[in-house]
N, C-alpha and C. Protein backbone atom coordinates (compact mmCIF):
# COMPACT_ATOMS: atom_id res chain seq x y z
N MET A 1 38.55 148.10 33.80
CA MET A 1 39.62 147.12 33.61
C MET A 1 39.27 146.21 32.42
N ASP A 2 40.24 146.04 31.52
CA ASP A 2 40.05 145.19 30.35
C ASP A 2 40.39 143.75 30.74
N LEU A 3 39.38 142.84 30.72
CA LEU A 3 39.58 141.46 31.12
C LEU A 3 39.85 140.53 29.93
N SER A 4 40.04 141.12 28.75
CA SER A 4 40.40 140.29 27.61
C SER A 4 41.83 139.79 27.77
N ILE A 5 42.19 138.77 27.00
CA ILE A 5 43.55 138.21 27.10
C ILE A 5 44.59 139.27 26.76
N GLN A 6 44.33 140.03 25.71
CA GLN A 6 45.27 141.09 25.33
C GLN A 6 45.38 142.16 26.40
N GLY A 7 44.21 142.51 26.99
CA GLY A 7 44.22 143.53 28.02
C GLY A 7 44.94 143.08 29.27
N LEU A 8 44.71 141.82 29.70
CA LEU A 8 45.40 141.30 30.87
C LEU A 8 46.90 141.21 30.65
N TRP A 9 47.29 140.78 29.44
CA TRP A 9 48.72 140.66 29.14
C TRP A 9 49.41 142.02 29.18
N SER A 10 48.75 143.04 28.60
CA SER A 10 49.36 144.38 28.57
C SER A 10 49.46 145.00 29.96
N SER A 11 48.57 144.58 30.88
CA SER A 11 48.60 145.15 32.23
C SER A 11 49.51 144.39 33.18
N MET A 12 50.01 143.23 32.76
CA MET A 12 50.90 142.44 33.62
C MET A 12 52.28 143.08 33.72
N GLY A 13 52.90 142.86 34.86
CA GLY A 13 54.28 143.28 35.03
C GLY A 13 55.23 142.27 34.42
N PHE A 14 56.54 142.58 34.51
CA PHE A 14 57.55 141.71 33.91
C PHE A 14 57.52 140.31 34.53
N LEU A 15 57.46 140.22 35.84
CA LEU A 15 57.51 138.93 36.52
C LEU A 15 56.27 138.09 36.22
N ALA A 16 55.11 138.75 36.19
CA ALA A 16 53.87 138.03 35.87
C ALA A 16 53.91 137.48 34.45
N ARG A 17 54.46 138.26 33.53
CA ARG A 17 54.60 137.78 32.16
C ARG A 17 55.58 136.60 32.09
N ALA A 18 56.66 136.68 32.86
CA ALA A 18 57.64 135.59 32.87
C ALA A 18 56.99 134.31 33.39
N VAL A 19 56.18 134.42 34.45
CA VAL A 19 55.48 133.25 34.99
C VAL A 19 54.52 132.69 33.95
N THR A 20 53.81 133.55 33.26
CA THR A 20 52.86 133.10 32.22
C THR A 20 53.58 132.37 31.10
N ILE A 21 54.74 132.89 30.69
CA ILE A 21 55.51 132.24 29.63
C ILE A 21 55.99 130.86 30.07
N VAL A 22 56.44 130.76 31.33
CA VAL A 22 56.87 129.47 31.86
C VAL A 22 55.70 128.47 31.85
N LEU A 23 54.53 128.94 32.26
CA LEU A 23 53.36 128.06 32.28
C LEU A 23 52.95 127.65 30.86
N MET A 24 53.08 128.56 29.91
CA MET A 24 52.77 128.22 28.53
C MET A 24 53.72 127.14 28.02
N PHE A 25 55.01 127.27 28.37
CA PHE A 25 55.99 126.26 27.97
C PHE A 25 55.64 124.90 28.59
N MET A 26 55.27 124.90 29.86
CA MET A 26 54.89 123.67 30.53
C MET A 26 53.66 123.03 29.89
N SER A 27 52.71 123.87 29.49
CA SER A 27 51.51 123.38 28.84
C SER A 27 51.84 122.73 27.49
N LEU A 28 52.68 123.40 26.70
CA LEU A 28 53.07 122.86 25.40
C LEU A 28 53.84 121.55 25.56
N LEU A 29 54.69 121.49 26.60
CA LEU A 29 55.46 120.27 26.85
C LEU A 29 54.55 119.10 27.20
N SER A 30 53.55 119.35 28.05
CA SER A 30 52.63 118.28 28.43
C SER A 30 51.82 117.80 27.23
N ILE A 31 51.43 118.73 26.35
CA ILE A 31 50.69 118.34 25.14
C ILE A 31 51.56 117.52 24.22
N TRP A 32 52.83 117.93 24.07
CA TRP A 32 53.75 117.18 23.22
C TRP A 32 53.97 115.76 23.76
N VAL A 33 54.16 115.63 25.08
CA VAL A 33 54.35 114.31 25.68
C VAL A 33 53.10 113.46 25.49
N PHE A 34 51.93 114.07 25.64
CA PHE A 34 50.68 113.33 25.45
C PHE A 34 50.58 112.77 24.04
N ILE A 35 50.84 113.61 23.05
CA ILE A 35 50.74 113.16 21.66
C ILE A 35 51.76 112.06 21.37
N ASP A 36 52.99 112.27 21.83
CA ASP A 36 54.06 111.29 21.59
C ASP A 36 53.74 109.95 22.24
N ARG A 37 53.32 109.97 23.51
CA ARG A 37 53.02 108.71 24.21
C ARG A 37 51.76 108.05 23.66
N PHE A 38 50.77 108.86 23.28
CA PHE A 38 49.53 108.31 22.73
C PHE A 38 49.80 107.54 21.45
N LEU A 39 50.61 108.13 20.56
CA LEU A 39 50.95 107.46 19.31
C LEU A 39 51.77 106.19 19.57
N LEU A 40 52.67 106.26 20.56
CA LEU A 40 53.49 105.09 20.87
C LEU A 40 52.64 103.93 21.39
N PHE A 41 51.74 104.21 22.34
CA PHE A 41 50.92 103.15 22.91
C PHE A 41 49.93 102.59 21.88
N ARG A 42 49.42 103.46 21.03
CA ARG A 42 48.49 102.98 20.00
C ARG A 42 49.21 102.06 19.03
N ALA A 43 50.42 102.45 18.61
CA ALA A 43 51.19 101.61 17.69
C ALA A 43 51.58 100.30 18.35
N ALA A 44 51.95 100.35 19.65
CA ALA A 44 52.33 99.13 20.36
C ALA A 44 51.17 98.15 20.43
N LYS A 45 49.98 98.66 20.71
CA LYS A 45 48.80 97.79 20.81
C LYS A 45 48.44 97.20 19.45
N LYS A 46 48.43 98.05 18.43
CA LYS A 46 48.04 97.60 17.09
C LYS A 46 49.02 96.57 16.55
N GLN A 47 50.32 96.86 16.66
CA GLN A 47 51.32 95.94 16.12
C GLN A 47 51.41 94.65 16.93
N SER A 48 51.15 94.72 18.23
CA SER A 48 51.20 93.51 19.06
C SER A 48 50.09 92.54 18.67
N LEU A 49 48.91 93.08 18.35
CA LEU A 49 47.81 92.21 17.91
C LEU A 49 48.18 91.50 16.60
N LEU A 50 48.78 92.23 15.68
CA LEU A 50 49.20 91.63 14.41
C LEU A 50 50.33 90.62 14.63
N PHE A 51 51.25 90.95 15.53
CA PHE A 51 52.39 90.06 15.81
C PHE A 51 51.93 88.74 16.42
N VAL A 52 51.04 88.81 17.40
CA VAL A 52 50.55 87.60 18.06
C VAL A 52 49.81 86.71 17.07
N ALA A 53 49.04 87.33 16.19
CA ALA A 53 48.28 86.55 15.20
C ALA A 53 49.20 85.78 14.26
N LYS A 54 50.37 86.37 13.94
CA LYS A 54 51.29 85.71 13.01
C LYS A 54 52.22 84.72 13.71
N VAL A 55 52.67 85.06 14.92
CA VAL A 55 53.72 84.26 15.55
C VAL A 55 53.18 83.01 16.24
N GLY A 56 51.87 82.98 16.52
CA GLY A 56 51.30 81.86 17.27
C GLY A 56 51.52 80.52 16.59
N ASN A 57 51.13 80.43 15.34
CA ASN A 57 51.28 79.17 14.61
C ASN A 57 52.74 78.82 14.37
N LEU A 58 53.56 79.82 14.09
CA LEU A 58 54.99 79.57 13.87
C LEU A 58 55.65 79.01 15.12
N LEU A 59 55.25 79.51 16.26
CA LEU A 59 55.84 79.04 17.52
C LEU A 59 55.43 77.60 17.80
N LYS A 60 54.20 77.26 17.47
CA LYS A 60 53.75 75.88 17.67
C LYS A 60 54.53 74.90 16.81
N GLN A 61 54.99 75.37 15.66
CA GLN A 61 55.76 74.54 14.75
C GLN A 61 57.27 74.62 15.01
N ASN A 62 57.64 75.33 16.09
CA ASN A 62 59.05 75.49 16.49
C ASN A 62 59.90 76.14 15.39
N LYS A 63 59.29 77.05 14.64
CA LYS A 63 60.02 77.77 13.62
C LYS A 63 60.59 79.05 14.24
N VAL A 64 61.73 78.87 14.93
CA VAL A 64 62.31 79.98 15.68
C VAL A 64 62.79 81.10 14.77
N ASP A 65 63.46 80.76 13.69
CA ASP A 65 63.97 81.80 12.79
C ASP A 65 62.84 82.62 12.19
N GLU A 66 61.76 81.95 11.82
CA GLU A 66 60.62 82.67 11.25
C GLU A 66 59.98 83.60 12.29
N CYS A 67 59.92 83.13 13.52
CA CYS A 67 59.37 83.97 14.60
C CYS A 67 60.21 85.22 14.81
N ILE A 68 61.52 85.05 14.76
CA ILE A 68 62.42 86.19 14.93
C ILE A 68 62.24 87.19 13.79
N ASN A 69 62.10 86.69 12.58
CA ASN A 69 61.90 87.58 11.42
C ASN A 69 60.58 88.34 11.52
N VAL A 70 59.55 87.66 12.01
CA VAL A 70 58.26 88.33 12.20
C VAL A 70 58.38 89.42 13.26
N ALA A 71 59.09 89.12 14.33
CA ALA A 71 59.27 90.11 15.40
C ALA A 71 59.98 91.36 14.91
N LYS A 72 60.92 91.20 13.99
CA LYS A 72 61.65 92.35 13.45
C LYS A 72 60.75 93.26 12.62
N GLN A 73 59.65 92.71 12.12
CA GLN A 73 58.73 93.50 11.30
C GLN A 73 57.85 94.44 12.14
N TYR A 74 57.75 94.15 13.43
CA TYR A 74 56.87 94.93 14.31
C TYR A 74 57.70 95.56 15.42
N LYS A 75 58.48 96.57 15.05
CA LYS A 75 59.42 97.18 15.98
C LYS A 75 58.74 97.99 17.08
N SER A 76 57.50 98.38 16.86
CA SER A 76 56.79 99.16 17.88
C SER A 76 56.02 98.28 18.86
N SER A 77 55.98 96.99 18.60
CA SER A 77 55.24 96.06 19.46
C SER A 77 56.05 95.73 20.71
N HIS A 78 55.45 95.91 21.88
CA HIS A 78 56.14 95.57 23.12
C HIS A 78 56.31 94.06 23.26
N LEU A 79 55.35 93.30 22.76
CA LEU A 79 55.45 91.84 22.83
C LEU A 79 56.52 91.33 21.87
N ALA A 80 56.64 91.94 20.70
CA ALA A 80 57.65 91.52 19.73
C ALA A 80 59.06 91.73 20.29
N LYS A 81 59.26 92.81 21.02
CA LYS A 81 60.57 93.08 21.60
C LYS A 81 60.96 92.01 22.61
N VAL A 82 60.00 91.61 23.45
CA VAL A 82 60.27 90.60 24.46
C VAL A 82 60.49 89.23 23.80
N PHE A 83 59.64 88.89 22.85
CA PHE A 83 59.77 87.60 22.16
C PHE A 83 61.09 87.53 21.39
N SER A 84 61.44 88.61 20.71
CA SER A 84 62.66 88.62 19.92
C SER A 84 63.88 88.37 20.79
N ALA A 85 63.96 89.05 21.94
CA ALA A 85 65.10 88.87 22.85
C ALA A 85 65.19 87.44 23.35
N ALA A 86 64.05 86.88 23.75
CA ALA A 86 64.03 85.52 24.28
C ALA A 86 64.36 84.49 23.20
N LEU A 87 63.80 84.66 22.01
CA LEU A 87 64.04 83.70 20.93
C LEU A 87 65.48 83.75 20.45
N LEU A 88 66.06 84.93 20.38
CA LEU A 88 67.46 85.05 19.98
C LEU A 88 68.37 84.36 20.99
N GLU A 89 68.07 84.54 22.28
CA GLU A 89 68.87 83.89 23.32
C GLU A 89 68.68 82.37 23.27
N PHE A 90 67.45 81.96 23.05
CA PHE A 90 67.16 80.52 22.98
C PHE A 90 67.89 79.89 21.80
N LYS A 91 67.89 80.59 20.67
CA LYS A 91 68.57 80.07 19.48
C LYS A 91 70.08 80.04 19.68
N ALA A 92 70.64 81.08 20.31
CA ALA A 92 72.09 81.16 20.51
C ALA A 92 72.61 80.08 21.44
N ASP A 93 71.79 79.71 22.45
CA ASP A 93 72.22 78.72 23.45
C ASP A 93 71.66 77.33 23.17
N ALA A 94 71.23 77.11 21.96
CA ALA A 94 70.59 75.83 21.64
C ALA A 94 71.54 74.64 21.80
N SER A 95 72.84 74.89 21.75
CA SER A 95 73.80 73.81 21.88
C SER A 95 74.08 73.45 23.34
N GLY A 96 73.64 74.27 24.28
CA GLY A 96 73.89 74.01 25.69
C GLY A 96 72.84 73.09 26.27
N ASN A 97 72.88 72.90 27.62
CA ASN A 97 71.85 72.05 28.23
C ASN A 97 70.55 72.82 28.36
N SER A 98 69.46 72.11 28.48
CA SER A 98 68.12 72.69 28.41
C SER A 98 67.86 73.69 29.53
N TYR A 99 68.33 73.38 30.73
CA TYR A 99 68.06 74.27 31.85
C TYR A 99 68.76 75.61 31.64
N ASN A 100 69.99 75.58 31.15
CA ASN A 100 70.71 76.81 30.90
C ASN A 100 70.03 77.64 29.81
N ILE A 101 69.47 76.97 28.81
CA ILE A 101 68.75 77.68 27.75
C ILE A 101 67.56 78.43 28.32
N ILE A 102 66.81 77.76 29.18
CA ILE A 102 65.62 78.38 29.77
C ILE A 102 66.00 79.56 30.66
N GLU A 103 67.03 79.38 31.47
CA GLU A 103 67.47 80.46 32.34
C GLU A 103 67.99 81.65 31.54
N ALA A 104 68.74 81.36 30.48
CA ALA A 104 69.24 82.44 29.62
C ALA A 104 68.09 83.19 28.97
N ALA A 105 67.07 82.44 28.51
CA ALA A 105 65.91 83.08 27.89
C ALA A 105 65.16 83.95 28.89
N LYS A 106 65.02 83.47 30.12
CA LYS A 106 64.34 84.24 31.16
C LYS A 106 65.09 85.54 31.46
N ARG A 107 66.42 85.47 31.53
CA ARG A 107 67.20 86.69 31.77
C ARG A 107 67.06 87.66 30.60
N ALA A 108 67.02 87.13 29.38
CA ALA A 108 66.82 88.00 28.21
C ALA A 108 65.45 88.66 28.26
N ILE A 109 64.45 87.92 28.69
CA ILE A 109 63.10 88.48 28.84
C ILE A 109 63.09 89.60 29.86
N GLU A 110 63.75 89.39 30.98
CA GLU A 110 63.80 90.41 32.03
C GLU A 110 64.48 91.68 31.53
N ARG A 111 65.58 91.52 30.79
CA ARG A 111 66.27 92.70 30.26
C ARG A 111 65.40 93.43 29.24
N ALA A 112 64.77 92.67 28.34
CA ALA A 112 63.92 93.30 27.32
C ALA A 112 62.71 93.98 27.95
N THR A 113 62.13 93.35 28.97
CA THR A 113 60.98 93.94 29.65
C THR A 113 61.35 95.24 30.34
N ALA A 114 62.49 95.24 31.04
CA ALA A 114 62.95 96.45 31.73
C ALA A 114 63.22 97.58 30.74
N LYS A 115 63.84 97.25 29.61
CA LYS A 115 64.14 98.27 28.60
C LYS A 115 62.86 98.81 27.97
N THR A 116 61.92 97.92 27.69
CA THR A 116 60.65 98.35 27.08
C THR A 116 59.85 99.22 28.05
N ASN A 117 59.82 98.83 29.31
CA ASN A 117 59.14 99.65 30.32
C ASN A 117 59.75 101.04 30.41
N SER A 118 61.08 101.09 30.35
CA SER A 118 61.76 102.39 30.40
C SER A 118 61.39 103.25 29.20
N GLU A 119 61.31 102.63 28.03
CA GLU A 119 60.95 103.37 26.82
C GLU A 119 59.52 103.89 26.90
N MET A 120 58.61 103.07 27.47
CA MET A 120 57.21 103.49 27.56
C MET A 120 57.02 104.62 28.55
N ARG A 121 57.90 104.72 29.54
CA ARG A 121 57.74 105.74 30.58
C ARG A 121 58.44 107.06 30.25
N LYS A 122 59.08 107.14 29.09
CA LYS A 122 59.74 108.39 28.73
C LYS A 122 58.72 109.53 28.68
N GLY A 123 59.08 110.64 29.29
CA GLY A 123 58.19 111.81 29.29
C GLY A 123 57.20 111.83 30.43
N MET A 124 56.96 110.68 31.05
CA MET A 124 55.97 110.65 32.13
C MET A 124 56.47 111.40 33.37
N GLY A 125 57.79 111.41 33.55
CA GLY A 125 58.34 112.21 34.65
C GLY A 125 58.07 113.68 34.47
N SER A 126 58.12 114.14 33.22
CA SER A 126 57.82 115.55 32.94
C SER A 126 56.36 115.86 33.24
N LEU A 127 55.45 114.94 32.89
CA LEU A 127 54.04 115.14 33.20
C LEU A 127 53.81 115.22 34.70
N ALA A 128 54.46 114.34 35.45
CA ALA A 128 54.31 114.35 36.90
C ALA A 128 54.84 115.65 37.49
N THR A 129 55.97 116.12 36.97
CA THR A 129 56.56 117.37 37.47
C THR A 129 55.66 118.56 37.16
N ILE A 130 55.14 118.60 35.94
CA ILE A 130 54.24 119.70 35.55
C ILE A 130 52.98 119.69 36.40
N GLY A 131 52.40 118.50 36.58
CA GLY A 131 51.18 118.41 37.38
C GLY A 131 51.39 118.84 38.82
N ALA A 132 52.58 118.59 39.35
CA ALA A 132 52.85 118.92 40.75
C ALA A 132 53.26 120.37 40.95
N THR A 133 53.96 120.95 39.99
CA THR A 133 54.55 122.27 40.20
C THR A 133 53.81 123.42 39.53
N ALA A 134 53.02 123.15 38.48
CA ALA A 134 52.34 124.25 37.77
C ALA A 134 51.47 125.10 38.69
N PRO A 135 50.67 124.51 39.62
CA PRO A 135 49.87 125.37 40.51
C PRO A 135 50.73 126.29 41.37
N PHE A 136 51.90 125.80 41.79
CA PHE A 136 52.77 126.63 42.64
C PHE A 136 53.44 127.73 41.83
N VAL A 137 53.77 127.43 40.57
CA VAL A 137 54.31 128.48 39.70
C VAL A 137 53.28 129.58 39.51
N GLY A 138 52.03 129.17 39.26
CA GLY A 138 50.96 130.16 39.14
C GLY A 138 50.73 130.93 40.42
N LEU A 139 50.80 130.23 41.55
CA LEU A 139 50.61 130.89 42.84
C LEU A 139 51.72 131.89 43.12
N PHE A 140 52.92 131.57 42.69
CA PHE A 140 54.03 132.52 42.84
C PHE A 140 53.72 133.82 42.10
N GLY A 141 53.23 133.69 40.86
CA GLY A 141 52.87 134.89 40.11
C GLY A 141 51.76 135.67 40.79
N THR A 142 50.82 134.95 41.41
CA THR A 142 49.71 135.62 42.10
C THR A 142 50.19 136.39 43.32
N VAL A 143 51.07 135.75 44.10
CA VAL A 143 51.59 136.41 45.31
C VAL A 143 52.34 137.68 44.94
N VAL A 144 53.18 137.59 43.92
CA VAL A 144 53.93 138.78 43.49
C VAL A 144 52.99 139.86 42.98
N GLY A 145 51.95 139.43 42.23
CA GLY A 145 50.99 140.40 41.72
C GLY A 145 50.23 141.12 42.83
N ILE A 146 49.84 140.38 43.86
CA ILE A 146 49.12 140.99 44.98
C ILE A 146 50.02 141.96 45.73
N ILE A 147 51.29 141.54 45.91
CA ILE A 147 52.24 142.44 46.59
C ILE A 147 52.36 143.75 45.81
N ASN A 148 52.48 143.65 44.50
CA ASN A 148 52.58 144.87 43.67
C ASN A 148 51.31 145.71 43.75
N ALA A 149 50.14 145.02 43.84
CA ALA A 149 48.88 145.76 43.94
C ALA A 149 48.83 146.57 45.23
N PHE A 150 49.25 145.98 46.33
CA PHE A 150 49.25 146.71 47.61
C PHE A 150 50.33 147.79 47.63
N LYS A 151 51.44 147.53 46.95
CA LYS A 151 52.45 148.58 46.85
C LYS A 151 51.90 149.79 46.11
N GLY A 152 51.14 149.50 45.04
CA GLY A 152 50.53 150.59 44.28
C GLY A 152 49.54 151.36 45.12
N MET A 153 48.77 150.66 45.96
CA MET A 153 47.81 151.33 46.84
C MET A 153 48.54 152.21 47.85
N ALA A 154 49.69 151.68 48.38
CA ALA A 154 50.45 152.46 49.35
C ALA A 154 51.07 153.69 48.70
N THR A 155 51.48 153.56 47.47
CA THR A 155 52.12 154.68 46.78
C THR A 155 51.13 155.79 46.47
N THR A 156 49.94 155.41 46.02
CA THR A 156 48.94 156.42 45.66
C THR A 156 48.20 156.95 46.89
N GLY A 157 48.22 156.17 47.97
CA GLY A 157 47.55 156.59 49.18
C GLY A 157 46.06 156.37 49.17
N SER A 158 45.55 155.70 48.14
CA SER A 158 44.12 155.41 48.07
C SER A 158 43.83 154.10 48.78
N GLY A 159 42.65 153.97 49.36
CA GLY A 159 42.28 152.75 50.07
C GLY A 159 41.03 152.14 49.50
N GLY A 160 40.58 151.06 50.12
CA GLY A 160 39.38 150.39 49.67
C GLY A 160 39.68 149.30 48.66
N ILE A 161 38.71 148.41 48.54
CA ILE A 161 38.88 147.26 47.66
C ILE A 161 38.98 147.68 46.20
N GLY A 162 38.33 148.78 45.88
CA GLY A 162 38.36 149.23 44.49
C GLY A 162 39.75 149.58 44.02
N ALA A 163 40.60 150.02 44.94
CA ALA A 163 41.95 150.44 44.56
C ALA A 163 42.83 149.26 44.19
N VAL A 164 42.53 148.09 44.77
CA VAL A 164 43.39 146.92 44.52
C VAL A 164 42.67 145.82 43.74
N ALA A 165 41.40 145.98 43.48
CA ALA A 165 40.64 144.92 42.81
C ALA A 165 41.23 144.57 41.46
N GLY A 166 41.60 145.59 40.67
CA GLY A 166 42.16 145.33 39.35
C GLY A 166 43.46 144.56 39.43
N GLY A 167 44.35 144.99 40.34
CA GLY A 167 45.64 144.32 40.49
C GLY A 167 45.50 142.89 40.96
N ILE A 168 44.58 142.65 41.90
CA ILE A 168 44.37 141.29 42.40
C ILE A 168 43.79 140.39 41.32
N ALA A 169 42.84 140.95 40.54
CA ALA A 169 42.26 140.17 39.44
C ALA A 169 43.33 139.76 38.43
N GLU A 170 44.23 140.68 38.11
CA GLU A 170 45.32 140.36 37.19
C GLU A 170 46.24 139.29 37.79
N ALA A 171 46.50 139.42 39.09
CA ALA A 171 47.39 138.47 39.74
C ALA A 171 46.81 137.07 39.77
N LEU A 172 45.51 136.95 39.98
CA LEU A 172 44.87 135.64 40.07
C LEU A 172 44.85 134.91 38.73
N VAL A 173 45.09 135.63 37.66
CA VAL A 173 45.12 134.98 36.34
C VAL A 173 46.20 133.91 36.31
N THR A 174 47.36 134.16 36.90
CA THR A 174 48.45 133.19 36.87
C THR A 174 48.09 131.92 37.66
N THR A 175 47.36 132.07 38.76
CA THR A 175 46.91 130.88 39.50
C THR A 175 45.94 130.06 38.66
N ALA A 176 45.00 130.73 38.03
CA ALA A 176 44.04 130.03 37.18
C ALA A 176 44.76 129.32 36.03
N PHE A 177 45.73 130.00 35.45
CA PHE A 177 46.49 129.41 34.34
C PHE A 177 47.30 128.21 34.83
N GLY A 178 47.86 128.33 36.05
CA GLY A 178 48.62 127.22 36.62
C GLY A 178 47.76 125.98 36.82
N LEU A 179 46.54 126.16 37.30
CA LEU A 179 45.61 125.03 37.45
C LEU A 179 45.20 124.48 36.09
N PHE A 180 45.02 125.37 35.12
CA PHE A 180 44.66 124.95 33.77
C PHE A 180 45.73 124.07 33.15
N VAL A 181 46.99 124.35 33.50
CA VAL A 181 48.11 123.55 32.99
C VAL A 181 48.25 122.24 33.76
N ALA A 182 48.08 122.31 35.08
CA ALA A 182 48.36 121.16 35.94
C ALA A 182 47.33 120.05 35.81
N ILE A 183 46.05 120.41 35.73
CA ILE A 183 44.99 119.39 35.74
C ILE A 183 45.10 118.43 34.55
N PRO A 184 45.24 118.92 33.30
CA PRO A 184 45.42 117.97 32.20
C PRO A 184 46.68 117.13 32.33
N ALA A 185 47.76 117.73 32.85
CA ALA A 185 49.01 116.99 33.01
C ALA A 185 48.83 115.80 33.95
N VAL A 186 48.09 116.01 35.04
CA VAL A 186 47.82 114.92 35.98
C VAL A 186 46.95 113.85 35.32
N TRP A 187 45.95 114.28 34.55
CA TRP A 187 45.11 113.32 33.81
C TRP A 187 45.96 112.50 32.84
N PHE A 188 46.81 113.19 32.09
CA PHE A 188 47.66 112.49 31.13
C PHE A 188 48.55 111.47 31.83
N TYR A 189 49.15 111.90 32.93
CA TYR A 189 50.07 111.01 33.67
C TYR A 189 49.35 109.75 34.15
N ASN A 190 48.20 109.93 34.76
CA ASN A 190 47.45 108.77 35.26
C ASN A 190 47.00 107.86 34.12
N TYR A 191 46.61 108.45 33.01
CA TYR A 191 46.18 107.66 31.86
C TYR A 191 47.32 106.79 31.34
N PHE A 192 48.48 107.39 31.16
CA PHE A 192 49.62 106.64 30.63
C PHE A 192 50.20 105.68 31.67
N GLN A 193 50.07 106.01 32.94
CA GLN A 193 50.51 105.08 33.98
C GLN A 193 49.68 103.80 33.93
N ASN A 194 48.37 103.95 33.76
CA ASN A 194 47.51 102.77 33.62
C ASN A 194 47.84 101.98 32.36
N LYS A 195 48.11 102.70 31.27
CA LYS A 195 48.47 102.03 30.02
C LYS A 195 49.77 101.23 30.19
N THR A 196 50.74 101.84 30.84
CA THR A 196 52.03 101.17 31.05
C THR A 196 51.86 99.93 31.90
N ASP A 197 51.04 100.02 32.95
CA ASP A 197 50.78 98.86 33.81
C ASP A 197 50.12 97.72 33.02
N LEU A 198 49.15 98.07 32.17
CA LEU A 198 48.46 97.05 31.38
C LEU A 198 49.41 96.37 30.39
N LEU A 199 50.25 97.16 29.72
CA LEU A 199 51.20 96.57 28.79
C LEU A 199 52.24 95.74 29.53
N GLY A 200 52.59 96.16 30.74
CA GLY A 200 53.51 95.37 31.55
C GLY A 200 52.93 94.01 31.91
N ILE A 201 51.63 94.00 32.21
CA ILE A 201 50.96 92.72 32.49
C ILE A 201 50.94 91.84 31.26
N GLU A 202 50.68 92.44 30.10
CA GLU A 202 50.68 91.68 28.85
C GLU A 202 52.05 91.06 28.59
N MET A 203 53.11 91.83 28.83
CA MET A 203 54.46 91.31 28.61
C MET A 203 54.77 90.18 29.58
N ALA A 204 54.34 90.33 30.83
CA ALA A 204 54.59 89.29 31.83
C ALA A 204 53.86 87.99 31.46
N ASN A 205 52.60 88.11 31.04
CA ASN A 205 51.83 86.92 30.67
C ASN A 205 52.41 86.25 29.42
N ALA A 206 52.75 87.06 28.42
CA ALA A 206 53.32 86.50 27.19
C ALA A 206 54.67 85.85 27.46
N SER A 207 55.46 86.47 28.33
CA SER A 207 56.77 85.90 28.67
C SER A 207 56.62 84.57 29.39
N SER A 208 55.67 84.49 30.28
CA SER A 208 55.42 83.24 30.99
C SER A 208 55.02 82.13 30.04
N GLU A 209 54.15 82.45 29.09
CA GLU A 209 53.73 81.45 28.10
C GLU A 209 54.90 81.02 27.21
N LEU A 210 55.78 81.97 26.89
CA LEU A 210 56.93 81.64 26.06
C LEU A 210 57.90 80.72 26.80
N VAL A 211 58.12 81.00 28.08
CA VAL A 211 58.99 80.13 28.89
C VAL A 211 58.39 78.73 28.99
N ASP A 212 57.08 78.67 29.17
CA ASP A 212 56.41 77.35 29.21
C ASP A 212 56.63 76.60 27.90
N HIS A 213 56.58 77.32 26.79
CA HIS A 213 56.82 76.69 25.49
C HIS A 213 58.25 76.15 25.40
N PHE A 214 59.21 76.92 25.91
CA PHE A 214 60.60 76.47 25.89
C PHE A 214 60.77 75.20 26.74
N ILE A 215 60.09 75.17 27.88
CA ILE A 215 60.18 74.00 28.76
C ILE A 215 59.63 72.76 28.05
N LYS A 216 58.48 72.93 27.39
CA LYS A 216 57.89 71.81 26.67
C LYS A 216 58.77 71.38 25.50
N THR A 217 59.38 72.35 24.85
CA THR A 217 60.23 72.05 23.69
C THR A 217 61.47 71.26 24.12
N THR A 218 62.09 71.68 25.21
CA THR A 218 63.33 71.02 25.65
C THR A 218 63.05 69.76 26.45
N GLY A 219 61.83 69.68 27.02
CA GLY A 219 61.49 68.51 27.80
C GLY A 219 62.09 68.49 29.18
N ILE A 220 62.63 69.63 29.65
CA ILE A 220 63.25 69.72 30.96
C ILE A 220 62.49 70.74 31.80
N GLU A 221 62.13 70.35 33.01
CA GLU A 221 61.43 71.26 33.92
C GLU A 221 62.42 72.25 34.53
N GLU A 222 61.90 73.42 34.91
CA GLU A 222 62.72 74.41 35.60
C GLU A 222 63.11 73.89 36.98
N LYS A 223 64.27 74.31 37.44
CA LYS A 223 64.72 73.96 38.79
C LYS A 223 64.43 75.12 39.72
């Protein structure tokens, strides 16, 4: 029996090949999601550090327009998105009473945070699905392969483990491939889930500090 990749592929049946192709597609999808999310989180972290360094002094001087302009320069920053939404709402409602301004800013922060969280989680559902289903897809190919191996033994009338060993070995390849696809997908999902939680905490803390700044600026406590 040829155990090389080419040899195993040539000995596979149609269904086993179909399962392998599906698993290959799932593997490529998980890699694409990993690269896309990794670049997004790296850019968000890098730009947020630059944004905070620039906006801190401007905010202390109550230069709202300048803060908004700085936020527009860092479109990948999760903190810039939250700050921009809150500052725009604060500026738009500046003619109203102070409590309404603060409440409007808080609602803008909540909307921006929810939207940013949704953007950060794109593709993570695919990783979770791949991690959960890839082993079963591989197992399906294995079960079908074993059934075909025993059918072949029944057709030829030969018995013993030697008669089915080759077919079972070929069938188990799909299970191994399924695990090979699923394990990295689960790792990727957990990694990005932790990243999303950390960025969510950063947005919550920054939003709280911004609301405190608005309260101090207006001189009115929240009700």
